[in-house]
Amino acid sequence: MSLLLLDPFKFFENGDSFELDFNVRGFKPEELSVKVTEDRFLVVEGKHGEKKDQDGSISRHFIKKCVIPSGFDLGKIQSKLYPDGVLVVSVPRIEVKSRKIPVVRVKNEAPVVKAKL
């Protein structure tokens, strides 16, 4: 039985980031690929050739795609592979710095749409 079938993928959003956890036990870092597309899809792929085990041989290949929600910085995605075989991909929230927006007085011009008070 493939370990990838046992809870292979989880995602959650905390206040600072969007995180995806993948069970990639049995794959080496060089057998994994993480990329993001222009349309905000995160694509995680794992592939290894035939390996011998006690029952014969096995080869595995998977592709997982998911959409990264808006409001997260695609340019700062990080991925980390932990010793227990969990690949964690994290996408930080886009920082929005507060700023004061000046109010400019306009003379002798009517607004395009008049507000009803």
Protein backbone atom coordinates (compact mmCIF):
# COMPACT_ATOMS: atom_id res chain seq x y z
CA MET A 1 0.00 0.00 0.00
CA SER A 2 1.34 3.42 -0.92
CA LEU A 3 1.99 5.79 1.94
CA LEU A 4 0.80 8.59 -0.33
CA LEU A 5 -2.75 7.34 0.16
CA LEU A 6 -2.58 7.97 3.90
CA ASP A 7 -3.50 11.62 4.45
CA PRO A 8 -1.45 12.82 1.47
CA PHE A 9 -2.31 16.51 1.55
CA LYS A 10 -3.43 19.14 4.04
CA PHE A 11 -3.69 22.88 3.78
CA PHE A 12 -4.54 25.66 6.16
CA GLU A 13 -4.38 29.40 6.43
CA ASN A 14 -3.15 31.17 9.51
CA GLY A 15 -2.90 34.91 9.95
CA ASP A 16 0.48 35.21 8.24
CA SER A 17 0.59 32.50 5.58
CA PHE A 18 -1.12 29.82 3.51
CA GLU A 19 0.50 26.43 4.15
CA LEU A 20 0.26 23.11 2.33
CA ASP A 21 1.60 19.86 3.77
CA PHE A 22 2.31 16.85 1.55
CA ASN A 23 3.18 13.31 2.59
CA VAL A 24 6.04 12.54 0.21
CA ARG A 25 7.64 9.77 2.24
CA GLY A 26 9.81 7.66 -0.03
CA PHE A 27 10.86 10.55 -2.29
CA LYS A 28 14.24 12.29 -2.23
CA PRO A 29 14.47 16.08 -2.66
CA GLU A 30 15.83 15.67 -6.18
CA GLU A 31 12.74 13.58 -7.08
CA LEU A 32 10.38 16.43 -6.13
CA SER A 33 9.40 19.54 -8.04
CA VAL A 34 7.48 22.55 -6.71
CA LYS A 35 6.41 25.33 -9.07
CA VAL A 36 3.77 28.02 -9.39
CA THR A 37 2.01 29.03 -12.60
CA GLU A 38 0.86 32.45 -13.79
CA ASP A 39 -2.74 31.59 -12.92
CA ARG A 40 -1.84 30.98 -9.23
CA PHE A 41 -1.69 27.17 -9.41
CA LEU A 42 0.84 25.49 -7.16
CA VAL A 43 2.05 22.27 -8.79
CA VAL A 44 3.88 19.67 -6.70
CA GLU A 45 5.25 16.65 -8.54
CA GLY A 46 7.12 13.62 -7.32
CA LYS A 47 8.60 10.92 -9.48
CA HIS A 48 11.07 8.14 -8.93
CA GLY A 49 12.01 5.27 -11.14
CA GLU A 50 11.80 1.63 -10.26
CA LYS A 51 13.14 0.70 -6.84
CA LYS A 52 13.55 -2.81 -5.45
CA ASP A 53 11.74 -3.74 -2.26
CA GLN A 54 10.99 -7.00 -0.40
CA ASP A 55 8.05 -7.82 -2.71
CA GLY A 56 9.68 -6.94 -6.03
CA SER A 57 9.97 -3.42 -7.37
CA ILE A 58 7.95 -0.22 -7.27
CA SER A 59 7.89 3.09 -9.11
CA ARG A 60 5.82 6.11 -8.09
CA HIS A 61 4.63 9.30 -9.69
CA PHE A 62 2.17 11.93 -8.44
CA ILE A 63 1.09 15.43 -9.40
CA LYS A 64 -0.90 17.63 -7.03
CA LYS A 65 -2.29 21.00 -8.17
CA CYS A 66 -4.10 23.58 -6.08
CA VAL A 67 -4.90 27.27 -6.36
CA ILE A 68 -3.15 29.72 -4.07
CA PRO A 69 -5.76 32.25 -2.87
CA SER A 70 -5.32 35.90 -3.75
CA GLY A 71 -3.71 38.00 -1.06
CA PHE A 72 -0.64 35.76 -0.82
CA ASP A 73 2.80 36.58 -2.24
CA LEU A 74 3.68 34.07 -4.98
CA GLY A 75 7.19 35.53 -5.21
CA LYS A 76 8.02 34.41 -1.67
CA ILE A 77 6.92 30.76 -1.71
CA GLN A 78 9.15 28.41 0.29
CA SER A 79 9.25 24.62 0.42
CA LYS A 80 10.92 22.46 3.07
CA LEU A 81 11.27 18.68 3.21
CA TYR A 82 11.37 17.33 6.76
CA PRO A 83 13.03 14.05 7.85
CA ASP A 84 9.62 12.42 8.46
CA GLY A 85 8.76 12.77 4.74
CA VAL A 86 6.49 15.80 5.01
CA LEU A 87 6.96 18.52 2.40
CA VAL A 88 5.72 21.88 3.70
CA VAL A 89 5.04 24.64 1.17
CA SER A 90 4.30 28.04 2.70
CA VAL A 91 3.14 31.21 0.98
CA PRO A 92 3.28 34.41 3.06
CA ARG A 93 0.45 36.90 3.04
CA ILE A 94 1.09 40.06 1.03
CA GLU A 95 2.02 42.81 3.44
CA VAL A 96 -0.27 45.79 3.18
CA LYS A 97 1.26 48.77 4.88
CA SER A 98 -1.16 51.31 6.19
CA ARG A 99 -0.79 54.80 4.85
CA LYS A 100 -2.64 58.02 5.12
CA ILE A 101 -4.49 59.05 1.98
CA PRO A 102 -4.79 62.81 1.60
CA VAL A 103 -8.12 64.47 0.88
CA VAL A 104 -7.79 67.04 -1.88
CA ARG A 105 -10.23 69.93 -2.06
CA VAL A 106 -11.65 70.50 -5.55
CA LYS A 107 -13.11 73.93 -6.34
CA ASN A 108 -15.75 74.79 -8.92
CA GLU A 109 -16.26 71.22 -10.13
CA ALA A 110 -19.30 69.07 -9.56
CA PRO A 111 -18.76 65.44 -8.59
CA VAL A 112 -19.48 62.80 -11.21
CA VAL A 113 -21.97 61.10 -8.89
CA LYS A 114 -23.66 63.07 -6.12
CA ALA A 115 -24.00 61.28 -2.85
CA LYS A 116 -27.39 61.39 -1.16
CA LEU A 117 -27.17 62.42 2.45
